[in-house]
């Protein structure tokens, strides 16, 4: 579930507590669940990172990138249920990796927690980040995409606009929850071909992307009914209270108070939209 706002919240939550701290050890936490992907294997990963420091922590799309003092990078992709936590994970059974630090600090360890085991932990040698996750692999960050870029990318394809928003090679960071919320804010039907959007709708789309994502970051993401997502200090996000359409199938639209929220499936993902606010245009 973690998308751009949730990953950005994780990065902001852990940054000040791990930067310039010396890495003392890295261990795999014992559990009986599907193992996450770790590359290289733990003994090599421990050897490459122990004794070094994280000099920065940043978000790259929906990934967390740790810049290491030797020029290498540690890249963690939370995917569906991964979390980076400093204390009090949702449960102890799904802890995957513990990174412990030497010296004074409010927290002595950083954990990667993942209920479904879909997350990945990858060390990249100096200079490899660009070839692995640079342009051509990931599109520009959604918060850096401007109207001209939206005009260009939408004009190139007749794909449904909701499907286009989810394509990380086109624009990085937008996931399923926020794609539905963005299109509702912009008044665009999710099945509308991207190249059918006129200049006015492209401008609305660009504005909705920024307003929805920035508000979600301010609210520290969305914690849904399963309670999986938490910030780095085990606190709920609150943007779920701002959702206008997501998971509201059959309910009256909060915006127009006339339309009913309906659900369809696009690219094997659930899409929610208002039948009145987001009418399909032939």
C-alpha atoms as a PDB file:
ATOM      1  CA  UNK A   1       0.000   0.000   0.000  1.00  0.00           C
ATOM      2  CA  UNK A   2       2.782   2.568   0.657  1.00  0.00           C
ATOM      3  CA  UNK A   3       2.660   5.198  -2.078  1.00  0.00           C
ATOM      4  CA  UNK A   4       4.446   8.519  -2.475  1.00  0.00           C
ATOM      5  CA  UNK A   5       2.937  10.215   0.623  1.00  0.00           C
ATOM      6  CA  UNK A   6       3.543   7.195   2.853  1.00  0.00           C
ATOM      7  CA  UNK A   7       7.117   6.688   1.637  1.00  0.00           C
ATOM      8  CA  UNK A   8       7.848  10.415   1.974  1.00  0.00           C
ATOM      9  CA  UNK A   9       6.497  10.265   5.534  1.00  0.00           C
ATOM     10  CA  UNK A  10       8.764   7.288   6.329  1.00  0.00           C
ATOM     11  CA  UNK A  11      11.778   9.166   4.967  1.00  0.00           C
ATOM     12  CA  UNK A  12      10.993  12.301   6.981  1.00  0.00           C
ATOM     13  CA  UNK A  13      10.354  10.247  10.097  1.00  0.00           C
ATOM     14  CA  UNK A  14      13.636   8.363  10.108  1.00  0.00           C
ATOM     15  CA  UNK A  15      16.043  10.853   8.494  1.00  0.00           C
ATOM     16  CA  UNK A  16      17.193  12.770  11.559  1.00  0.00           C
ATOM     17  CA  UNK A  17      17.558   9.588  13.602  1.00  0.00           C
ATOM     18  CA  UNK A  18      19.826   7.658  11.214  1.00  0.00           C
ATOM     19  CA  UNK A  19      21.954  10.247   9.394  1.00  0.00           C
ATOM     20  CA  UNK A  20      25.594  10.322  10.528  1.00  0.00           C
ATOM     21  CA  UNK A  21      25.052   7.306  12.787  1.00  0.00           C
ATOM     22  CA  UNK A  22      27.668   4.542  12.425  1.00  0.00           C
ATOM     23  CA  UNK A  23      26.167   1.225  11.332  1.00  0.00           C
ATOM     24  CA  UNK A  24      27.103  -1.391  13.915  1.00  0.00           C
ATOM     25  CA  UNK A  25      25.327  -4.475  12.596  1.00  0.00           C
ATOM     26  CA  UNK A  26      22.638  -5.770  10.248  1.00  0.00           C
ATOM     27  CA  UNK A  27      20.682  -8.903  11.108  1.00  0.00           C
ATOM     28  CA  UNK A  28      17.759 -10.810   9.654  1.00  0.00           C
ATOM     29  CA  UNK A  29      14.871 -11.109  12.097  1.00  0.00           C
ATOM     30  CA  UNK A  30      13.617 -14.637  12.658  1.00  0.00           C
ATOM     31  CA  UNK A  31      10.175 -15.482  11.318  1.00  0.00           C
ATOM     32  CA  UNK A  32       8.384 -18.291   9.519  1.00  0.00           C
ATOM     33  CA  UNK A  33       6.927 -16.212   6.697  1.00  0.00           C
ATOM     34  CA  UNK A  34       7.870 -15.674   3.090  1.00  0.00           C
ATOM     35  CA  UNK A  35      11.356 -14.124   3.079  1.00  0.00           C
ATOM     36  CA  UNK A  36      11.914 -10.743   1.509  1.00  0.00           C
ATOM     37  CA  UNK A  37      14.410 -10.222  -1.301  1.00  0.00           C
ATOM     38  CA  UNK A  38      17.828  -9.132  -0.008  1.00  0.00           C
ATOM     39  CA  UNK A  39      20.716  -8.525  -2.396  1.00  0.00           C
ATOM     40  CA  UNK A  40      23.477  -9.255  -1.855  1.00  0.00           C
ATOM     41  CA  UNK A  41      22.969 -11.980   0.763  1.00  0.00           C
ATOM     42  CA  UNK A  42      23.066 -10.852   4.382  1.00  0.00           C
ATOM     43  CA  UNK A  43      26.738 -11.686   5.155  1.00  0.00           C
ATOM     44  CA  UNK A  44      27.912  -9.637   2.165  1.00  0.00           C
ATOM     45  CA  UNK A  45      25.429  -6.842   2.930  1.00  0.00           C
ATOM     46  CA  UNK A  46      26.649  -6.676   6.526  1.00  0.00           C
ATOM     47  CA  UNK A  47      30.276  -6.513   5.381  1.00  0.00           C
ATOM     48  CA  UNK A  48      29.571  -3.715   2.904  1.00  0.00           C
ATOM     49  CA  UNK A  49      27.647  -1.493   5.351  1.00  0.00           C
ATOM     50  CA  UNK A  50      29.090  -2.108   8.820  1.00  0.00           C
ATOM     51  CA  UNK A  51      31.287   0.758   9.963  1.00  0.00           C
ATOM     52  CA  UNK A  52      29.861   3.194   7.430  1.00  0.00           C
ATOM     53  CA  UNK A  53      27.257   5.905   7.920  1.00  0.00           C
ATOM     54  CA  UNK A  54      24.127   7.006   6.132  1.00  0.00           C
ATOM     55  CA  UNK A  55      24.815  10.543   4.948  1.00  0.00           C
ATOM     56  CA  UNK A  56      21.303  11.101   3.634  1.00  0.00           C
ATOM     57  CA  UNK A  57      17.923   9.410   3.292  1.00  0.00           C
ATOM     58  CA  UNK A  58      15.623  10.321   0.420  1.00  0.00           C
ATOM     59  CA  UNK A  59      12.666   9.133  -1.585  1.00  0.00           C
ATOM     60  CA  UNK A  60      12.954   7.966  -5.181  1.00  0.00           C
ATOM     61  CA  UNK A  61       9.448   7.337  -6.479  1.00  0.00           C
ATOM     62  CA  UNK A  62       8.056   4.764  -4.065  1.00  0.00           C
ATOM     63  CA  UNK A  63      11.494   3.632  -2.881  1.00  0.00           C
ATOM     64  CA  UNK A  64      13.643   4.730   0.060  1.00  0.00           C
ATOM     65  CA  UNK A  65      17.266   5.459  -0.808  1.00  0.00           C
ATOM     66  CA  UNK A  66      19.989   5.577   1.848  1.00  0.00           C
ATOM     67  CA  UNK A  67      23.145   7.335   0.672  1.00  0.00           C
ATOM     68  CA  UNK A  68      26.128   5.610   2.294  1.00  0.00           C
ATOM     69  CA  UNK A  69      29.349   7.383   3.254  1.00  0.00           C
ATOM     70  CA  UNK A  70      31.411   5.294   0.791  1.00  0.00           C
ATOM     71  CA  UNK A  71      29.271   6.417  -2.164  1.00  0.00           C
ATOM     72  CA  UNK A  72      27.133   3.300  -2.341  1.00  0.00           C
ATOM     73  CA  UNK A  73      23.362   3.174  -1.809  1.00  0.00           C
ATOM     74  CA  UNK A  74      20.958   1.002   0.112  1.00  0.00           C
ATOM     75  CA  UNK A  75      17.574   0.917  -1.615  1.00  0.00           C
ATOM     76  CA  UNK A  76      14.467  -0.341   0.169  1.00  0.00           C
ATOM     77  CA  UNK A  77      11.235  -0.850  -1.743  1.00  0.00           C
ATOM     78  CA  UNK A  78       8.334  -1.288   0.707  1.00  0.00           C
ATOM     79  CA  UNK A  79       5.862  -2.409  -1.970  1.00  0.00           C
ATOM     80  CA  UNK A  80       2.467  -3.491  -0.607  1.00  0.00           C
ATOM     81  CA  UNK A  81       2.961  -3.745   3.155  1.00  0.00           C
ATOM     82  CA  UNK A  82       6.525  -2.672   3.980  1.00  0.00           C
ATOM     83  CA  UNK A  83       7.311  -0.136   6.703  1.00  0.00           C
ATOM     84  CA  UNK A  84      10.455   1.491   8.055  1.00  0.00           C
ATOM     85  CA  UNK A  85      10.051   1.875  11.809  1.00  0.00           C
ATOM     86  CA  UNK A  86      12.143   3.143  14.693  1.00  0.00           C
ATOM     87  CA  UNK A  87       9.995   1.652  17.441  1.00  0.00           C
ATOM     88  CA  UNK A  88       6.816  -0.299  18.159  1.00  0.00           C
ATOM     89  CA  UNK A  89       6.127  -2.093  14.837  1.00  0.00           C
ATOM     90  CA  UNK A  90       2.554  -3.292  14.184  1.00  0.00           C
ATOM     91  CA  UNK A  91       3.689  -6.721  15.438  1.00  0.00           C
ATOM     92  CA  UNK A  92       6.977  -8.497  16.084  1.00  0.00           C
ATOM     93  CA  UNK A  93       6.248 -11.471  13.847  1.00  0.00           C
ATOM     94  CA  UNK A  94       6.800  -9.661  10.560  1.00  0.00           C
ATOM     95  CA  UNK A  95      10.040  -7.819  11.350  1.00  0.00           C
ATOM     96  CA  UNK A  96      12.495  -8.585   8.544  1.00  0.00           C
ATOM     97  CA  UNK A  97      15.766  -6.682   8.985  1.00  0.00           C
ATOM     98  CA  UNK A  98      17.299  -4.773  11.870  1.00  0.00           C
ATOM     99  CA  UNK A  99      19.971  -2.142  11.274  1.00  0.00           C
ATOM    100  CA  UNK A 100      21.630  -1.194  14.558  1.00  0.00           C
ATOM    101  CA  UNK A 101      23.711   1.913  15.174  1.00  0.00           C
ATOM    102  CA  UNK A 102      26.658   2.703  17.415  1.00  0.00           C
ATOM    103  CA  UNK A 103      26.771   5.768  19.593  1.00  0.00           C
ATOM    104  CA  UNK A 104      24.235   8.127  21.156  1.00  0.00           C
ATOM    105  CA  UNK A 105      20.825   8.663  19.633  1.00  0.00           C
ATOM    106  CA  UNK A 106      17.125   8.535  20.436  1.00  0.00           C
ATOM    107  CA  UNK A 107      16.795   5.174  18.693  1.00  0.00           C
ATOM    108  CA  UNK A 108      19.486   2.524  18.408  1.00  0.00           C
ATOM    109  CA  UNK A 109      17.901   0.514  15.615  1.00  0.00           C
ATOM    110  CA  UNK A 110      15.955   0.874  12.383  1.00  0.00           C
ATOM    111  CA  UNK A 111      13.714  -1.994  11.326  1.00  0.00           C
ATOM    112  CA  UNK A 112      12.139  -3.028   8.062  1.00  0.00           C
ATOM    113  CA  UNK A 113       8.733  -4.618   8.725  1.00  0.00           C
ATOM    114  CA  UNK A 114       6.759  -6.354   5.981  1.00  0.00           C
ATOM    115  CA  UNK A 115       3.583  -8.362   6.482  1.00  0.00           C
ATOM    116  CA  UNK A 116       3.381  -9.914   3.009  1.00  0.00           C
ATOM    117  CA  UNK A 117       7.092 -10.266   2.338  1.00  0.00           C
ATOM    118  CA  UNK A 118       6.995  -8.460  -1.020  1.00  0.00           C
ATOM    119  CA  UNK A 119       9.510  -5.774  -0.134  1.00  0.00           C
ATOM    120  CA  UNK A 120      13.090  -5.673  -1.366  1.00  0.00           C
ATOM    121  CA  UNK A 121      16.394  -4.567   0.151  1.00  0.00           C
ATOM    122  CA  UNK A 122      19.166  -3.915  -2.357  1.00  0.00           C
ATOM    123  CA  UNK A 123      22.709  -2.591  -1.976  1.00  0.00           C
ATOM    124  CA  UNK A 124      24.112  -0.808  -5.024  1.00  0.00           C
ATOM    125  CA  UNK A 125      27.790  -0.078  -5.541  1.00  0.00           C
ATOM    126  CA  UNK A 126      28.883   3.536  -6.096  1.00  0.00           C
ATOM    127  CA  UNK A 127      27.544   4.871  -9.383  1.00  0.00           C
ATOM    128  CA  UNK A 128      25.025   2.082  -9.945  1.00  0.00           C
ATOM    129  CA  UNK A 129      21.912   3.917  -8.744  1.00  0.00           C
ATOM    130  CA  UNK A 130      21.460   5.919 -11.939  1.00  0.00           C
ATOM    131  CA  UNK A 131      21.688   2.877 -14.208  1.00  0.00           C
ATOM    132  CA  UNK A 132      19.291   0.882 -12.050  1.00  0.00           C
ATOM    133  CA  UNK A 133      16.710   3.523 -11.127  1.00  0.00           C
ATOM    134  CA  UNK A 134      17.519   6.572 -13.197  1.00  0.00           C
ATOM    135  CA  UNK A 135      15.694   8.066 -16.162  1.00  0.00           C
ATOM    136  CA  UNK A 136      14.404   5.362 -18.468  1.00  0.00           C
ATOM    137  CA  UNK A 137      13.558   3.139 -15.495  1.00  0.00           C
ATOM    138  CA  UNK A 138      11.552   5.620 -13.422  1.00  0.00           C
ATOM    139  CA  UNK A 139       9.726   8.643 -14.734  1.00  0.00           C
ATOM    140  CA  UNK A 140      10.053  12.081 -13.135  1.00  0.00           C
ATOM    141  CA  UNK A 141       8.747  12.385  -9.603  1.00  0.00           C
ATOM    142  CA  UNK A 142       5.029  13.168  -9.468  1.00  0.00           C
ATOM    143  CA  UNK A 143       5.643  16.278  -7.349  1.00  0.00           C
ATOM    144  CA  UNK A 144       8.076  17.620  -9.953  1.00  0.00           C
ATOM    145  CA  UNK A 145       5.820  17.004 -12.962  1.00  0.00           C
ATOM    146  CA  UNK A 146       4.559  20.290 -14.424  1.00  0.00           C
ATOM    147  CA  UNK A 147       1.699  21.113 -16.786  1.00  0.00           C
ATOM    148  CA  UNK A 148       3.879  20.945 -19.896  1.00  0.00           C
ATOM    149  CA  UNK A 149       5.088  17.461 -18.947  1.00  0.00           C
ATOM    150  CA  UNK A 150       1.527  16.304 -18.320  1.00  0.00           C
ATOM    151  CA  UNK A 151       0.490  17.745 -21.678  1.00  0.00           C
ATOM    152  CA  UNK A 152       3.276  15.876 -23.411  1.00  0.00           C
ATOM    153  CA  UNK A 153       2.785  12.487 -21.750  1.00  0.00           C
ATOM    154  CA  UNK A 154      -1.012  12.531 -22.042  1.00  0.00           C
ATOM    155  CA  UNK A 155      -0.857  13.551 -25.695  1.00  0.00           C
ATOM    156  CA  UNK A 156       1.273  10.554 -26.576  1.00  0.00           C
ATOM    157  CA  UNK A 157      -1.162   7.791 -25.628  1.00  0.00           C
ATOM    158  CA  UNK A 158      -4.792   6.741 -25.773  1.00  0.00           C
ATOM    159  CA  UNK A 159      -4.424   4.644 -22.629  1.00  0.00           C
ATOM    160  CA  UNK A 160      -7.004   5.212 -19.919  1.00  0.00           C
ATOM    161  CA  UNK A 161      -5.846   8.101 -17.757  1.00  0.00           C
ATOM    162  CA  UNK A 162      -6.027   6.088 -14.495  1.00  0.00           C
ATOM    163  CA  UNK A 163      -3.767   3.406 -15.987  1.00  0.00           C
ATOM    164  CA  UNK A 164      -1.331   6.072 -17.179  1.00  0.00           C
ATOM    165  CA  UNK A 165      -1.098   7.575 -13.686  1.00  0.00           C
ATOM    166  CA  UNK A 166      -0.008   4.204 -12.295  1.00  0.00           C
ATOM    167  CA  UNK A 167       2.806   3.736 -14.845  1.00  0.00           C
ATOM    168  CA  UNK A 168       5.983   4.395 -12.858  1.00  0.00           C
ATOM    169  CA  UNK A 169       8.006   4.728 -16.072  1.00  0.00           C
ATOM    170  CA  UNK A 170       5.871   7.741 -16.994  1.00  0.00           C
ATOM    171  CA  UNK A 171       5.563   9.414 -13.599  1.00  0.00           C
ATOM    172  CA  UNK A 172       6.989   8.034 -10.363  1.00  0.00           C
ATOM    173  CA  UNK A 173       5.180   7.819  -7.056  1.00  0.00           C
ATOM    174  CA  UNK A 174       1.432   7.736  -7.753  1.00  0.00           C
ATOM    175  CA  UNK A 175      -0.275   4.574  -6.549  1.00  0.00           C
ATOM    176  CA  UNK A 176      -3.806   3.257  -6.647  1.00  0.00           C
ATOM    177  CA  UNK A 177      -5.319   5.171  -3.723  1.00  0.00           C
ATOM    178  CA  UNK A 178      -4.138   8.582  -4.802  1.00  0.00           C
ATOM    179  CA  UNK A 179      -4.805   8.025  -8.515  1.00  0.00           C
ATOM    180  CA  UNK A 180      -8.524   7.666  -7.728  1.00  0.00           C
ATOM    181  CA  UNK A 181      -8.470  10.703  -5.446  1.00  0.00           C
ATOM    182  CA  UNK A 182      -6.557  12.806  -7.978  1.00  0.00           C
ATOM    183  CA  UNK A 183      -8.960  12.056 -10.825  1.00  0.00           C
ATOM    184  CA  UNK A 184     -11.956  12.829  -8.634  1.00  0.00           C
ATOM    185  CA  UNK A 185     -10.431  16.157  -7.617  1.00  0.00           C
ATOM    186  CA  UNK A 186      -9.824  16.959 -11.299  1.00  0.00           C
ATOM    187  CA  UNK A 187     -13.303  15.824 -12.396  1.00  0.00           C
ATOM    188  CA  UNK A 188     -11.893  13.326 -14.907  1.00  0.00           C
ATOM    189  CA  UNK A 189     -13.464   9.942 -15.650  1.00  0.00           C
ATOM    190  CA  UNK A 190     -10.826   7.263 -14.924  1.00  0.00           C
ATOM    191  CA  UNK A 191     -11.449   5.460 -18.238  1.00  0.00           C
ATOM    192  CA  UNK A 192     -11.054   8.572 -20.353  1.00  0.00           C
ATOM    193  CA  UNK A 193      -8.250   8.254 -22.959  1.00  0.00           C
ATOM    194  CA  UNK A 194      -5.299  10.360 -21.870  1.00  0.00           C
ATOM    195  CA  UNK A 195      -4.973  12.035 -25.263  1.00  0.00           C
ATOM    196  CA  UNK A 196      -8.602  13.218 -25.119  1.00  0.00           C
ATOM    197  CA  UNK A 197      -7.859  15.641 -22.280  1.00  0.00           C
ATOM    198  CA  UNK A 198      -7.933  19.255 -23.426  1.00  0.00           C
ATOM    199  CA  UNK A 199      -5.660  21.941 -21.997  1.00  0.00           C
ATOM    200  CA  UNK A 200      -8.136  22.810 -19.263  1.00  0.00           C
ATOM    201  CA  UNK A 201      -8.344  19.230 -17.985  1.00  0.00           C
ATOM    202  CA  UNK A 202      -4.602  18.728 -18.163  1.00  0.00           C
ATOM    203  CA  UNK A 203      -4.197  21.821 -15.994  1.00  0.00           C
ATOM    204  CA  UNK A 204      -6.791  20.456 -13.557  1.00  0.00           C
ATOM    205  CA  UNK A 205      -4.964  17.119 -13.481  1.00  0.00           C
ATOM    206  CA  UNK A 206      -1.602  18.739 -12.759  1.00  0.00           C
ATOM    207  CA  UNK A 207      -3.116  20.806  -9.952  1.00  0.00           C
ATOM    208  CA  UNK A 208      -4.912  17.820  -8.444  1.00  0.00           C
ATOM    209  CA  UNK A 209      -1.733  15.733  -8.386  1.00  0.00           C
ATOM    210  CA  UNK A 210       0.098  18.335  -6.342  1.00  0.00           C
ATOM    211  CA  UNK A 211      -2.765  19.233  -4.024  1.00  0.00           C
ATOM    212  CA  UNK A 212      -3.711  15.634  -3.218  1.00  0.00           C
ATOM    213  CA  UNK A 213      -0.154  14.401  -2.702  1.00  0.00           C
ATOM    214  CA  UNK A 214       0.970  17.392  -0.643  1.00  0.00           C
ATOM    215  CA  UNK A 215      -2.097  17.182   1.588  1.00  0.00           C
ATOM    216  CA  UNK A 216      -1.536  13.447   2.041  1.00  0.00           C
ATOM    217  CA  UNK A 217       2.080  14.094   3.046  1.00  0.00           C
ATOM    218  CA  UNK A 218       0.888  16.728   5.519  1.00  0.00           C
ATOM    219  CA  UNK A 219      -1.488  14.097   6.971  1.00  0.00           C
ATOM    220  CA  UNK A 220       1.352  11.519   7.029  1.00  0.00           C
ATOM    221  CA  UNK A 221      -0.366   9.163   4.602  1.00  0.00           C
ATOM    222  CA  UNK A 222      -3.443   6.948   4.777  1.00  0.00           C
ATOM    223  CA  UNK A 223      -3.987   4.222   7.366  1.00  0.00           C
ATOM    224  CA  UNK A 224      -6.745   1.971   6.051  1.00  0.00           C
ATOM    225  CA  UNK A 225      -8.994  -0.483   7.857  1.00  0.00           C
ATOM    226  CA  UNK A 226      -6.368  -3.228   8.079  1.00  0.00           C
ATOM    227  CA  UNK A 227      -4.160  -0.863  10.095  1.00  0.00           C
ATOM    228  CA  UNK A 228      -1.022  -1.939   8.243  1.00  0.00           C
ATOM    229  CA  UNK A 229       0.432   1.470   7.471  1.00  0.00           C
ATOM    230  CA  UNK A 230       2.100   3.337  10.328  1.00  0.00           C
ATOM    231  CA  UNK A 231       4.642   6.108  10.332  1.00  0.00           C
ATOM    232  CA  UNK A 232       8.139   5.595  11.712  1.00  0.00           C
ATOM    233  CA  UNK A 233       6.899   6.043  15.294  1.00  0.00           C
ATOM    234  CA  UNK A 234       3.924   3.663  14.966  1.00  0.00           C
ATOM    235  CA  UNK A 235       1.323   6.393  14.566  1.00  0.00           C
ATOM    236  CA  UNK A 236      -1.566   6.331  12.103  1.00  0.00           C
ATOM    237  CA  UNK A 237      -1.688   8.577   9.100  1.00  0.00           C
ATOM    238  CA  UNK A 238      -4.864  10.650   8.794  1.00  0.00           C
ATOM    239  CA  UNK A 239      -5.420  11.220   5.080  1.00  0.00           C
ATOM    240  CA  UNK A 240      -7.958   8.375   5.008  1.00  0.00           C
ATOM    241  CA  UNK A 241     -10.282  10.915   6.629  1.00  0.00           C
ATOM    242  CA  UNK A 242      -9.898  13.072   3.506  1.00  0.00           C
ATOM    243  CA  UNK A 243     -10.724  10.348   0.977  1.00  0.00           C
ATOM    244  CA  UNK A 244     -13.558  11.434  -1.308  1.00  0.00           C
ATOM    245  CA  UNK A 245     -13.949   8.239  -3.332  1.00  0.00           C
ATOM    246  CA  UNK A 246     -11.481   5.534  -2.359  1.00  0.00           C
ATOM    247  CA  UNK A 247     -13.235   2.540  -0.713  1.00  0.00           C
ATOM    248  CA  UNK A 248     -16.560   4.428  -0.670  1.00  0.00           C
ATOM    249  CA  UNK A 249     -18.418   2.272  -3.203  1.00  0.00           C
ATOM    250  CA  UNK A 250     -22.206   2.726  -3.027  1.00  0.00           C
ATOM    251  CA  UNK A 251     -22.010   5.877  -0.898  1.00  0.00           C
ATOM    252  CA  UNK A 252     -23.070   9.363  -1.877  1.00  0.00           C
ATOM    253  CA  UNK A 253     -20.295  11.595  -3.188  1.00  0.00           C
ATOM    254  CA  UNK A 254     -19.027  13.981  -0.524  1.00  0.00           C
ATOM    255  CA  UNK A 255     -18.263  16.631  -3.129  1.00  0.00           C
ATOM    256  CA  UNK A 256     -21.445  16.969  -5.197  1.00  0.00           C
ATOM    257  CA  UNK A 257     -23.780  15.208  -2.723  1.00  0.00           C
ATOM    258  CA  UNK A 258     -25.646  13.795  -5.734  1.00  0.00           C
ATOM    259  CA  UNK A 259     -23.604  11.089  -7.422  1.00  0.00           C
ATOM    260  CA  UNK A 260     -22.953   7.582  -6.170  1.00  0.00           C
ATOM    261  CA  UNK A 261     -19.434   6.283  -5.811  1.00  0.00           C
ATOM    262  CA  UNK A 262     -18.888   3.262  -8.017  1.00  0.00           C
ATOM    263  CA  UNK A 263     -16.051   0.787  -8.377  1.00  0.00           C
ATOM    264  CA  UNK A 264     -14.497  -0.627 -11.537  1.00  0.00           C
ATOM    265  CA  UNK A 265     -11.326  -2.624 -12.196  1.00  0.00           C
ATOM    266  CA  UNK A 266      -8.512  -1.187 -14.310  1.00  0.00           C
ATOM    267  CA  UNK A 267      -5.173  -2.923 -14.829  1.00  0.00           C
ATOM    268  CA  UNK A 268      -6.226  -5.388 -12.105  1.00  0.00           C
ATOM    269  CA  UNK A 269      -6.630  -2.573  -9.584  1.00  0.00           C
ATOM    270  CA  UNK A 270      -9.797  -1.163  -8.037  1.00  0.00           C
ATOM    271  CA  UNK A 271     -10.813   2.302  -9.188  1.00  0.00           C
ATOM    272  CA  UNK A 272     -13.395   4.433  -7.376  1.00  0.00           C
ATOM    273  CA  UNK A 273     -15.138   7.442  -8.905  1.00  0.00           C
ATOM    274  CA  UNK A 274     -18.299   9.537  -8.756  1.00  0.00           C
ATOM    275  CA  UNK A 275     -20.890   8.918 -11.453  1.00  0.00           C
ATOM    276  CA  UNK A 276     -21.889  12.583 -11.361  1.00  0.00           C
ATOM    277  CA  UNK A 277     -18.612  14.465 -10.839  1.00  0.00           C
ATOM    278  CA  UNK A 278     -16.662  12.329 -13.283  1.00  0.00           C
ATOM    279  CA  UNK A 279     -19.031  11.697 -16.156  1.00  0.00           C
ATOM    280  CA  UNK A 280     -17.694   9.830 -19.147  1.00  0.00           C
ATOM    281  CA  UNK A 281     -17.402  12.010 -22.233  1.00  0.00           C
ATOM    282  CA  UNK A 282     -17.964  10.360 -25.598  1.00  0.00           C
END
